[in-house]
PDB file of N, CA and C in Angstrom:
ATOM      1  N   UNK A   1     -53.434 -25.609 154.629  1.00  0.00           N
ATOM      2  CA  UNK A   1     -52.414 -24.419 154.068  1.00  0.00           C
ATOM      3  C   UNK A   1     -51.675 -24.833 152.371  1.00  0.00           C
ATOM      4  N   UNK A   2     -51.902 -23.902 151.321  1.00  0.00           N
ATOM      5  CA  UNK A   2     -51.302 -24.227 149.717  1.00  0.00           C
ATOM      6  C   UNK A   2     -49.907 -23.630 149.760  1.00  0.00           C
ATOM      7  N   UNK A   3     -48.978 -24.438 149.277  1.00  0.00           N
ATOM      8  CA  UNK A   3     -47.035 -24.040 148.742  1.00  0.00           C
ATOM      9  C   UNK A   3     -47.199 -24.095 147.887  1.00  0.00           C
ATOM     10  N   UNK A   4     -46.302 -24.075 147.148  1.00  0.00           N
ATOM     11  CA  UNK A   4     -45.895 -23.759 145.718  1.00  0.00           C
ATOM     12  C   UNK A   4     -44.712 -24.916 145.638  1.00  0.00           C
ATOM     13  N   UNK A   5     -44.886 -26.495 144.864  1.00  0.00           N
ATOM     14  CA  UNK A   5     -43.307 -27.099 144.597  1.00  0.00           C
ATOM     15  C   UNK A   5     -43.114 -26.717 143.074  1.00  0.00           C
ATOM     16  N   UNK A   6     -42.362 -27.579 142.898  1.00  0.00           N
ATOM     17  CA  UNK A   6     -41.318 -27.106 141.256  1.00  0.00           C
ATOM     18  C   UNK A   6     -41.014 -28.732 141.024  1.00  0.00           C
ATOM     19  N   UNK A   7     -41.733 -29.736 140.226  1.00  0.00           N
ATOM     20  CA  UNK A   7     -41.939 -31.382 139.447  1.00  0.00           C
ATOM     21  C   UNK A   7     -40.950 -30.736 138.779  1.00  0.00           C
ATOM     22  N   UNK A   8     -40.250 -32.138 138.650  1.00  0.00           N
ATOM     23  CA  UNK A   8     -39.093 -31.782 136.861  1.00  0.00           C
ATOM     24  C   UNK A   8     -38.977 -33.759 136.910  1.00  0.00           C
ATOM     25  N   UNK A   9     -39.702 -34.445 136.085  1.00  0.00           N
ATOM     26  CA  UNK A   9     -40.055 -35.173 135.211  1.00  0.00           C
ATOM     27  C   UNK A   9     -39.431 -35.077 133.837  1.00  0.00           C
ATOM     28  N   UNK A  10     -38.056 -36.321 134.478  1.00  0.00           N
ATOM     29  CA  UNK A  10     -37.616 -36.941 132.957  1.00  0.00           C
ATOM     30  C   UNK A  10     -38.308 -38.418 132.353  1.00  0.00           C
ATOM     31  N   UNK A  11     -38.166 -37.983 131.675  1.00  0.00           N
ATOM     32  CA  UNK A  11     -39.589 -39.252 130.811  1.00  0.00           C
ATOM     33  C   UNK A  11     -38.265 -40.482 130.162  1.00  0.00           C
ATOM     34  N   UNK A  12     -38.963 -41.289 130.134  1.00  0.00           N
ATOM     35  CA  UNK A  12     -37.750 -42.264 129.301  1.00  0.00           C
ATOM     36  C   UNK A  12     -37.943 -42.273 128.422  1.00  0.00           C
ATOM     37  N   UNK A  13     -36.738 -43.294 127.309  1.00  0.00           N
ATOM     38  CA  UNK A  13     -36.368 -42.833 125.998  1.00  0.00           C
ATOM     39  C   UNK A  13     -37.657 -43.206 124.887  1.00  0.00           C
ATOM     40  N   UNK A  14     -38.667 -42.622 124.136  1.00  0.00           N
ATOM     41  CA  UNK A  14     -39.737 -43.095 122.690  1.00  0.00           C
ATOM     42  C   UNK A  14     -39.955 -42.160 122.962  1.00  0.00           C
ATOM     43  N   UNK A  15     -40.893 -42.177 122.107  1.00  0.00           N
ATOM     44  CA  UNK A  15     -41.667 -40.739 121.417  1.00  0.00           C
ATOM     45  C   UNK A  15     -42.995 -40.983 121.616  1.00  0.00           C
ATOM     46  N   UNK A  16     -43.586 -42.125 122.403  1.00  0.00           N
ATOM     47  CA  UNK A  16     -44.717 -42.244 123.293  1.00  0.00           C
ATOM     48  C   UNK A  16     -44.833 -41.894 124.164  1.00  0.00           C
ATOM     49  N   UNK A  17     -44.017 -41.935 124.889  1.00  0.00           N
ATOM     50  CA  UNK A  17     -43.865 -41.276 126.742  1.00  0.00           C
ATOM     51  C   UNK A  17     -44.367 -40.553 127.187  1.00  0.00           C
ATOM     52  N   UNK A  18     -44.292 -39.368 125.847  1.00  0.00           N
ATOM     53  CA  UNK A  18     -44.727 -37.708 126.711  1.00  0.00           C
ATOM     54  C   UNK A  18     -46.575 -37.984 126.187  1.00  0.00           C
ATOM     55  N   UNK A  19     -46.819 -38.451 124.685  1.00  0.00           N
ATOM     56  CA  UNK A  19     -48.270 -38.471 124.982  1.00  0.00           C
ATOM     57  C   UNK A  19     -49.254 -38.928 125.790  1.00  0.00           C
ATOM     58  N   UNK A  20     -48.106 -40.664 126.215  1.00  0.00           N
ATOM     59  CA  UNK A  20     -48.320 -41.909 127.435  1.00  0.00           C
ATOM     60  C   UNK A  20     -48.993 -41.221 128.758  1.00  0.00           C
ATOM     61  N   UNK A  21     -47.865 -40.564 128.958  1.00  0.00           N
ATOM     62  CA  UNK A  21     -47.896 -39.586 130.174  1.00  0.00           C
ATOM     63  C   UNK A  21     -48.713 -38.353 130.100  1.00  0.00           C
ATOM     64  N   UNK A  22     -48.903 -37.405 129.411  1.00  0.00           N
ATOM     65  CA  UNK A  22     -49.372 -36.146 129.276  1.00  0.00           C
ATOM     66  C   UNK A  22     -51.013 -36.555 129.942  1.00  0.00           C
ATOM     67  N   UNK A  23     -51.083 -37.927 128.358  1.00  0.00           N
ATOM     68  CA  UNK A  23     -52.715 -38.823 128.605  1.00  0.00           C
ATOM     69  C   UNK A  23     -53.481 -38.539 130.087  1.00  0.00           C
ATOM     70  N   UNK A  24     -52.607 -39.358 130.893  1.00  0.00           N
ATOM     71  CA  UNK A  24     -53.025 -39.964 132.238  1.00  0.00           C
ATOM     72  C   UNK A  24     -53.097 -38.835 132.604  1.00  0.00           C
ATOM     73  N   UNK A  25     -52.065 -37.668 132.773  1.00  0.00           N
ATOM     74  CA  UNK A  25     -52.597 -37.016 134.102  1.00  0.00           C
ATOM     75  C   UNK A  25     -53.782 -36.407 133.415  1.00  0.00           C
ATOM     76  N   UNK A  26     -53.907 -36.043 132.185  1.00  0.00           N
ATOM     77  CA  UNK A  26     -55.154 -34.649 131.757  1.00  0.00           C
ATOM     78  C   UNK A  26     -56.093 -35.989 132.247  1.00  0.00           C
ATOM     79  N   UNK A  27     -56.427 -37.027 132.519  1.00  0.00           N
ATOM     80  CA  UNK A  27     -57.855 -37.917 132.209  1.00  0.00           C
ATOM     81  C   UNK A  27     -58.324 -37.421 133.536  1.00  0.00           C
ATOM     82  N   UNK A  28     -59.507 -38.062 133.544  1.00  0.00           N
ATOM     83  CA  UNK A  28     -60.326 -38.337 134.843  1.00  0.00           C
ATOM     84  C   UNK A  28     -59.996 -38.949 136.705  1.00  0.00           C
ATOM     85  N   UNK A  29     -58.770 -40.199 136.228  1.00  0.00           N
ATOM     86  CA  UNK A  29     -58.454 -40.589 136.752  1.00  0.00           C
ATOM     87  C   UNK A  29     -57.123 -39.751 137.396  1.00  0.00           C
ATOM     88  N   UNK A  30     -55.875 -39.524 136.520  1.00  0.00           N
ATOM     89  CA  UNK A  30     -55.409 -38.906 136.684  1.00  0.00           C
ATOM     90  C   UNK A  30     -55.790 -37.300 137.672  1.00  0.00           C
ATOM     91  N   UNK A  31     -56.786 -36.694 136.697  1.00  0.00           N
ATOM     92  CA  UNK A  31     -57.444 -35.260 137.572  1.00  0.00           C
ATOM     93  C   UNK A  31     -57.629 -35.386 138.994  1.00  0.00           C
ATOM     94  N   UNK A  32     -58.272 -37.074 139.415  1.00  0.00           N
ATOM     95  CA  UNK A  32     -58.912 -37.317 140.142  1.00  0.00           C
ATOM     96  C   UNK A  32     -57.803 -37.309 141.089  1.00  0.00           C
ATOM     97  N   UNK A  33     -56.275 -38.108 140.728  1.00  0.00           N
ATOM     98  CA  UNK A  33     -55.395 -38.612 142.107  1.00  0.00           C
ATOM     99  C   UNK A  33     -54.832 -36.911 142.578  1.00  0.00           C
ATOM    100  N   UNK A  34     -54.346 -36.621 141.908  1.00  0.00           N
ATOM    101  CA  UNK A  34     -53.996 -34.885 141.466  1.00  0.00           C
ATOM    102  C   UNK A  34     -54.241 -34.009 142.674  1.00  0.00           C
ATOM    103  N   UNK A  35     -56.329 -33.903 142.583  1.00  0.00           N
ATOM    104  CA  UNK A  35     -56.867 -33.357 143.243  1.00  0.00           C
ATOM    105  C   UNK A  35     -56.752 -33.776 144.895  1.00  0.00           C
ATOM    106  N   UNK A  36     -56.764 -34.803 144.821  1.00  0.00           N
ATOM    107  CA  UNK A  36     -56.203 -35.316 146.154  1.00  0.00           C
ATOM    108  C   UNK A  36     -54.748 -34.658 147.403  1.00  0.00           C
ATOM    109  N   UNK A  37     -53.988 -33.937 146.433  1.00  0.00           N
ATOM    110  CA  UNK A  37     -53.266 -33.545 146.763  1.00  0.00           C
ATOM    111  C   UNK A  37     -52.411 -32.322 146.537  1.00  0.00           C
ATOM    112  N   UNK A  38     -53.335 -31.306 145.459  1.00  0.00           N
ATOM    113  CA  UNK A  38     -52.856 -30.351 145.239  1.00  0.00           C
ATOM    114  C   UNK A  38     -54.304 -29.934 144.143  1.00  0.00           C
ATOM    115  N   UNK A  39     -54.310 -28.191 143.629  1.00  0.00           N
ATOM    116  CA  UNK A  39     -54.990 -28.366 143.107  1.00  0.00           C
ATOM    117  C   UNK A  39     -54.555 -27.688 141.644  1.00  0.00           C
ATOM    118  N   UNK A  40     -55.345 -28.828 140.658  1.00  0.00           N
ATOM    119  CA  UNK A  40     -55.192 -28.845 139.149  1.00  0.00           C
ATOM    120  C   UNK A  40     -55.082 -28.069 138.232  1.00  0.00           C
ATOM    121  N   UNK A  41     -56.067 -27.060 138.240  1.00  0.00           N
ATOM    122  CA  UNK A  41     -56.150 -25.799 137.927  1.00  0.00           C
ATOM    123  C   UNK A  41     -55.238 -24.809 137.194  1.00  0.00           C
ATOM    124  N   UNK A  42     -54.691 -24.793 138.764  1.00  0.00           N
ATOM    125  CA  UNK A  42     -53.930 -23.437 139.305  1.00  0.00           C
ATOM    126  C   UNK A  42     -52.192 -24.197 138.797  1.00  0.00           C
ATOM    127  N   UNK A  43     -51.973 -25.177 137.905  1.00  0.00           N
ATOM    128  CA  UNK A  43     -50.760 -26.357 137.499  1.00  0.00           C
ATOM    129  C   UNK A  43     -50.014 -25.149 136.577  1.00  0.00           C
ATOM    130  N   UNK A  44     -49.078 -25.065 136.417  1.00  0.00           N
ATOM    131  CA  UNK A  44     -48.487 -25.078 135.303  1.00  0.00           C
ATOM    132  C   UNK A  44     -47.444 -25.842 134.172  1.00  0.00           C
ATOM    133  N   UNK A  45     -47.241 -25.740 133.466  1.00  0.00           N
ATOM    134  CA  UNK A  45     -46.320 -26.521 132.929  1.00  0.00           C
ATOM    135  C   UNK A  45     -45.752 -26.706 131.752  1.00  0.00           C
ATOM    136  N   UNK A  46     -44.347 -26.232 131.859  1.00  0.00           N
ATOM    137  CA  UNK A  46     -43.648 -26.469 130.741  1.00  0.00           C
ATOM    138  C   UNK A  46     -42.888 -27.547 130.249  1.00  0.00           C
ATOM    139  N   UNK A  47     -42.579 -27.573 128.564  1.00  0.00           N
ATOM    140  CA  UNK A  47     -42.176 -29.181 128.463  1.00  0.00           C
ATOM    141  C   UNK A  47     -40.802 -29.181 127.692  1.00  0.00           C
ATOM    142  N   UNK A  48     -39.372 -29.509 127.514  1.00  0.00           N
ATOM    143  CA  UNK A  48     -38.553 -29.529 126.621  1.00  0.00           C
ATOM    144  C   UNK A  48     -39.033 -29.487 125.661  1.00  0.00           C
ATOM    145  N   UNK A  49     -38.454 -28.930 124.925  1.00  0.00           N
ATOM    146  CA  UNK A  49     -38.763 -28.282 123.022  1.00  0.00           C
ATOM    147  C   UNK A  49     -38.083 -30.031 122.141  1.00  0.00           C
ATOM    148  N   UNK A  50     -37.682 -31.008 122.942  1.00  0.00           N
ATOM    149  CA  UNK A  50     -37.497 -32.667 122.211  1.00  0.00           C
ATOM    150  C   UNK A  50     -38.781 -33.853 123.850  1.00  0.00           C
ATOM    151  N   UNK A  51     -39.224 -32.616 123.948  1.00  0.00           N
ATOM    152  CA  UNK A  51     -40.156 -33.870 125.221  1.00  0.00           C
ATOM    153  C   UNK A  51     -40.000 -34.501 125.746  1.00  0.00           C
ATOM    154  N   UNK A  52     -38.591 -34.868 126.624  1.00  0.00           N
ATOM    155  CA  UNK A  52     -38.214 -35.703 127.136  1.00  0.00           C
ATOM    156  C   UNK A  52     -38.116 -35.121 128.815  1.00  0.00           C
ATOM    157  N   UNK A  53     -38.317 -34.148 128.872  1.00  0.00           N
ATOM    158  CA  UNK A  53     -38.948 -33.440 130.051  1.00  0.00           C
ATOM    159  C   UNK A  53     -40.197 -32.333 130.474  1.00  0.00           C
ATOM    160  N   UNK A  54     -40.905 -33.088 131.791  1.00  0.00           N
ATOM    161  CA  UNK A  54     -42.041 -31.777 131.699  1.00  0.00           C
ATOM    162  C   UNK A  54     -41.550 -30.599 133.058  1.00  0.00           C
ATOM    163  N   UNK A  55     -41.492 -29.922 133.352  1.00  0.00           N
ATOM    164  CA  UNK A  55     -41.422 -29.210 134.817  1.00  0.00           C
ATOM    165  C   UNK A  55     -42.720 -28.528 135.195  1.00  0.00           C
ATOM    166  N   UNK A  56     -43.631 -28.827 136.248  1.00  0.00           N
ATOM    167  CA  UNK A  56     -44.499 -28.219 136.527  1.00  0.00           C
ATOM    168  C   UNK A  56     -44.517 -27.616 138.092  1.00  0.00           C
ATOM    169  N   UNK A  57     -44.985 -26.588 138.069  1.00  0.00           N
ATOM    170  CA  UNK A  57     -45.191 -25.632 139.542  1.00  0.00           C
ATOM    171  C   UNK A  57     -46.842 -26.362 139.901  1.00  0.00           C
ATOM    172  N   UNK A  58     -46.380 -26.590 140.858  1.00  0.00           N
ATOM    173  CA  UNK A  58     -47.890 -27.150 141.854  1.00  0.00           C
ATOM    174  C   UNK A  58     -48.065 -26.288 142.746  1.00  0.00           C
ATOM    175  N   UNK A  59     -49.560 -26.793 143.436  1.00  0.00           N
ATOM    176  CA  UNK A  59     -50.380 -25.427 144.203  1.00  0.00           C
ATOM    177  C   UNK A  59     -50.539 -26.170 145.093  1.00  0.00           C
ATOM    178  N   UNK A  60     -50.081 -27.335 145.732  1.00  0.00           N
ATOM    179  CA  UNK A  60     -49.640 -28.289 146.731  1.00  0.00           C
ATOM    180  C   UNK A  60     -50.869 -27.906 147.932  1.00  0.00           C
ATOM    181  N   UNK A  61     -51.370 -29.183 148.518  1.00  0.00           N
ATOM    182  CA  UNK A  61     -52.318 -28.640 149.820  1.00  0.00           C
ATOM    183  C   UNK A  61     -51.789 -30.034 150.757  1.00  0.00           C
ATOM    184  N   UNK A  62     -51.318 -31.141 150.359  1.00  0.00           N
ATOM    185  CA  UNK A  62     -51.071 -32.394 150.943  1.00  0.00           C
ATOM    186  C   UNK A  62     -49.916 -32.542 150.688  1.00  0.00           C
ATOM    187  N   UNK A  63     -48.229 -32.222 151.269  1.00  0.00           N
ATOM    188  CA  UNK A  63     -47.410 -32.367 150.693  1.00  0.00           C
ATOM    189  C   UNK A  63     -46.561 -33.653 150.666  1.00  0.00           C
ATOM    190  N   UNK A  64     -46.786 -34.534 151.965  1.00  0.00           N
ATOM    191  CA  UNK A  64     -46.354 -36.206 151.705  1.00  0.00           C
ATOM    192  C   UNK A  64     -47.561 -36.215 150.227  1.00  0.00           C
ATOM    193  N   UNK A  65     -48.508 -35.863 150.671  1.00  0.00           N
ATOM    194  CA  UNK A  65     -49.088 -36.908 148.650  1.00  0.00           C
ATOM    195  C   UNK A  65     -48.667 -36.341 147.558  1.00  0.00           C
ATOM    196  N   UNK A  66     -47.997 -34.937 147.674  1.00  0.00           N
ATOM    197  CA  UNK A  66     -47.204 -35.095 146.312  1.00  0.00           C
ATOM    198  C   UNK A  66     -46.314 -35.528 146.414  1.00  0.00           C
ATOM    199  N   UNK A  67     -44.897 -36.000 147.742  1.00  0.00           N
ATOM    200  CA  UNK A  67     -44.065 -36.426 147.843  1.00  0.00           C
ATOM    201  C   UNK A  67     -43.855 -37.911 146.820  1.00  0.00           C
ATOM    202  N   UNK A  68     -45.359 -38.162 147.871  1.00  0.00           N
ATOM    203  CA  UNK A  68     -45.754 -40.135 146.865  1.00  0.00           C
ATOM    204  C   UNK A  68     -45.938 -40.293 145.512  1.00  0.00           C
ATOM    205  N   UNK A  69     -46.409 -39.607 144.993  1.00  0.00           N
ATOM    206  CA  UNK A  69     -47.175 -39.061 143.838  1.00  0.00           C
ATOM    207  C   UNK A  69     -45.964 -39.027 143.009  1.00  0.00           C
ATOM    208  N   UNK A  70     -44.842 -38.025 143.409  1.00  0.00           N
ATOM    209  CA  UNK A  70     -43.521 -37.542 142.075  1.00  0.00           C
ATOM    210  C   UNK A  70     -42.573 -38.930 142.422  1.00  0.00           C
ATOM    211  N   UNK A  71     -42.731 -39.309 143.242  1.00  0.00           N
ATOM    212  CA  UNK A  71     -41.078 -40.359 143.874  1.00  0.00           C
ATOM    213  C   UNK A  71     -42.368 -42.494 142.902  1.00  0.00           C
ATOM    214  N   UNK A  72     -43.318 -42.438 142.915  1.00  0.00           N
ATOM    215  CA  UNK A  72     -43.623 -43.146 141.923  1.00  0.00           C
ATOM    216  C   UNK A  72     -44.118 -44.023 143.344  1.00  0.00           C
ATOM    217  N   UNK A  73     -44.674 -43.801 144.173  1.00  0.00           N
ATOM    218  CA  UNK A  73     -45.204 -44.729 145.175  1.00  0.00           C
ATOM    219  C   UNK A  73     -47.160 -44.612 145.767  1.00  0.00           C
ATOM    220  N   UNK A  74     -47.639 -43.350 144.630  1.00  0.00           N
ATOM    221  CA  UNK A  74     -49.040 -43.288 144.962  1.00  0.00           C
ATOM    222  C   UNK A  74     -49.511 -44.505 143.697  1.00  0.00           C
ATOM    223  N   UNK A  75     -50.114 -45.633 144.312  1.00  0.00           N
ATOM    224  CA  UNK A  75     -51.250 -46.296 143.978  1.00  0.00           C
ATOM    225  C   UNK A  75     -51.691 -46.728 142.915  1.00  0.00           C
ATOM    226  N   UNK A  76     -52.035 -45.835 142.300  1.00  0.00           N
ATOM    227  CA  UNK A  76     -52.763 -44.769 141.313  1.00  0.00           C
ATOM    228  C   UNK A  76     -52.024 -44.325 139.810  1.00  0.00           C
ATOM    229  N   UNK A  77     -50.738 -44.468 140.322  1.00  0.00           N
ATOM    230  CA  UNK A  77     -50.336 -43.683 139.612  1.00  0.00           C
ATOM    231  C   UNK A  77     -48.583 -44.539 138.296  1.00  0.00           C
ATOM    232  N   UNK A  78     -48.395 -45.473 139.852  1.00  0.00           N
ATOM    233  CA  UNK A  78     -47.379 -46.644 139.763  1.00  0.00           C
ATOM    234  C   UNK A  78     -47.498 -46.851 138.698  1.00  0.00           C
ATOM    235  N   UNK A  79     -47.909 -47.923 137.781  1.00  0.00           N
ATOM    236  CA  UNK A  79     -48.096 -48.632 136.499  1.00  0.00           C
ATOM    237  C   UNK A  79     -47.985 -47.348 135.501  1.00  0.00           C
ATOM    238  N   UNK A  80     -48.232 -45.699 135.242  1.00  0.00           N
ATOM    239  CA  UNK A  80     -47.792 -44.901 134.294  1.00  0.00           C
ATOM    240  C   UNK A  80     -46.273 -44.566 134.870  1.00  0.00           C
ATOM    241  N   UNK A  81     -46.198 -44.465 136.135  1.00  0.00           N
ATOM    242  CA  UNK A  81     -44.752 -43.943 136.145  1.00  0.00           C
ATOM    243  C   UNK A  81     -43.527 -44.730 136.291  1.00  0.00           C
ATOM    244  N   UNK A  82     -43.858 -46.260 136.854  1.00  0.00           N
ATOM    245  CA  UNK A  82     -42.912 -46.787 135.698  1.00  0.00           C
ATOM    246  C   UNK A  82     -42.331 -47.422 134.447  1.00  0.00           C
ATOM    247  N   UNK A  83     -43.416 -47.304 132.933  1.00  0.00           N
ATOM    248  CA  UNK A  83     -43.940 -46.918 131.745  1.00  0.00           C
ATOM    249  C   UNK A  83     -43.217 -45.800 131.457  1.00  0.00           C
ATOM    250  N   UNK A  84     -42.985 -44.747 131.793  1.00  0.00           N
ATOM    251  CA  UNK A  84     -42.955 -43.868 131.401  1.00  0.00           C
ATOM    252  C   UNK A  84     -41.945 -42.931 131.818  1.00  0.00           C
ATOM    253  N   UNK A  85     -41.489 -43.163 133.212  1.00  0.00           N
ATOM    254  CA  UNK A  85     -40.602 -41.951 133.688  1.00  0.00           C
ATOM    255  C   UNK A  85     -39.245 -42.240 134.409  1.00  0.00           C
ATOM    256  N   UNK A  86     -39.001 -41.785 134.140  1.00  0.00           N
ATOM    257  CA  UNK A  86     -36.956 -41.863 134.231  1.00  0.00           C
ATOM    258  C   UNK A  86     -36.502 -41.525 135.450  1.00  0.00           C
ATOM    259  N   UNK A  87     -36.261 -40.301 135.951  1.00  0.00           N
ATOM    260  CA  UNK A  87     -36.094 -39.953 137.752  1.00  0.00           C
ATOM    261  C   UNK A  87     -37.149 -38.627 137.222  1.00  0.00           C
ATOM    262  N   UNK A  88     -37.195 -37.452 138.526  1.00  0.00           N
ATOM    263  CA  UNK A  88     -37.737 -37.073 139.072  1.00  0.00           C
ATOM    264  C   UNK A  88     -37.097 -36.231 140.160  1.00  0.00           C
ATOM    265  N   UNK A  89     -37.622 -35.200 140.003  1.00  0.00           N
ATOM    266  CA  UNK A  89     -36.958 -34.556 141.398  1.00  0.00           C
ATOM    267  C   UNK A  89     -37.862 -33.078 141.704  1.00  0.00           C
ATOM    268  N   UNK A  90     -37.689 -32.972 142.923  1.00  0.00           N
ATOM    269  CA  UNK A  90     -38.931 -32.197 143.379  1.00  0.00           C
ATOM    270  C   UNK A  90     -38.501 -30.590 144.755  1.00  0.00           C
ATOM    271  N   UNK A  91     -38.935 -29.457 144.243  1.00  0.00           N
ATOM    272  CA  UNK A  91     -38.132 -28.649 144.922  1.00  0.00           C
ATOM    273  C   UNK A  91     -39.297 -27.865 145.915  1.00  0.00           C
ATOM    274  N   UNK A  92     -39.166 -27.228 146.935  1.00  0.00           N
ATOM    275  CA  UNK A  92     -40.332 -26.595 147.445  1.00  0.00           C
ATOM    276  C   UNK A  92     -39.885 -25.069 147.563  1.00  0.00           C
ATOM    277  N   UNK A  93     -40.853 -24.381 147.048  1.00  0.00           N
ATOM    278  CA  UNK A  93     -40.684 -22.693 145.996  1.00  0.00           C
ATOM    279  C   UNK A  93     -41.636 -22.053 147.813  1.00  0.00           C
ATOM    280  N   UNK A  94     -40.445 -21.160 147.990  1.00  0.00           N
ATOM    281  CA  UNK A  94     -40.854 -20.203 149.007  1.00  0.00           C
ATOM    282  C   UNK A  94     -40.390 -18.915 148.691  1.00  0.00           C
ATOM    283  N   UNK A  95     -41.104 -17.941 148.934  1.00  0.00           N
ATOM    284  CA  UNK A  95     -40.867 -16.064 148.250  1.00  0.00           C
ATOM    285  C   UNK A  95     -40.026 -15.408 148.762  1.00  0.00           C
ATOM    286  N   UNK A  96     -39.325 -15.022 148.331  1.00  0.00           N
ATOM    287  CA  UNK A  96     -38.600 -13.841 148.731  1.00  0.00           C
ATOM    288  C   UNK A  96     -38.648 -13.212 149.150  1.00  0.00           C
ATOM    289  N   UNK A  97     -38.831 -11.850 150.536  1.00  0.00           N
ATOM    290  CA  UNK A  97     -39.857 -10.099 150.604  1.00  0.00           C
ATOM    291  C   UNK A  97     -38.568  -9.587 149.357  1.00  0.00           C
ATOM    292  N   UNK A  98     -38.890  -8.646 148.698  1.00  0.00           N
ATOM    293  CA  UNK A  98     -37.631  -7.734 148.324  1.00  0.00           C
ATOM    294  C   UNK A  98     -37.794  -6.630 148.729  1.00  0.00           C
TER     295      UNK A  98
END
């Protein structure tokens, strides 16, 4: 079952961290890895003006896989996580009936 989650990624200092991180996320390897637990084409991203943080609304198919990915436990993402990411936060989004 698909659920919506919100991820906030704070990047380490350095101009190239945003470019490196987003380059990996959009690479064939990054897309293949993300496809294991989410639906990448449905992901919506927003970046702060200084490019120090990125927020992603993600349509998740495997919550444990998403949690491992965002926490840096995913082996395929470990190197880019260690190099570029200062901290992450993850929220489960649920609809409120009006």
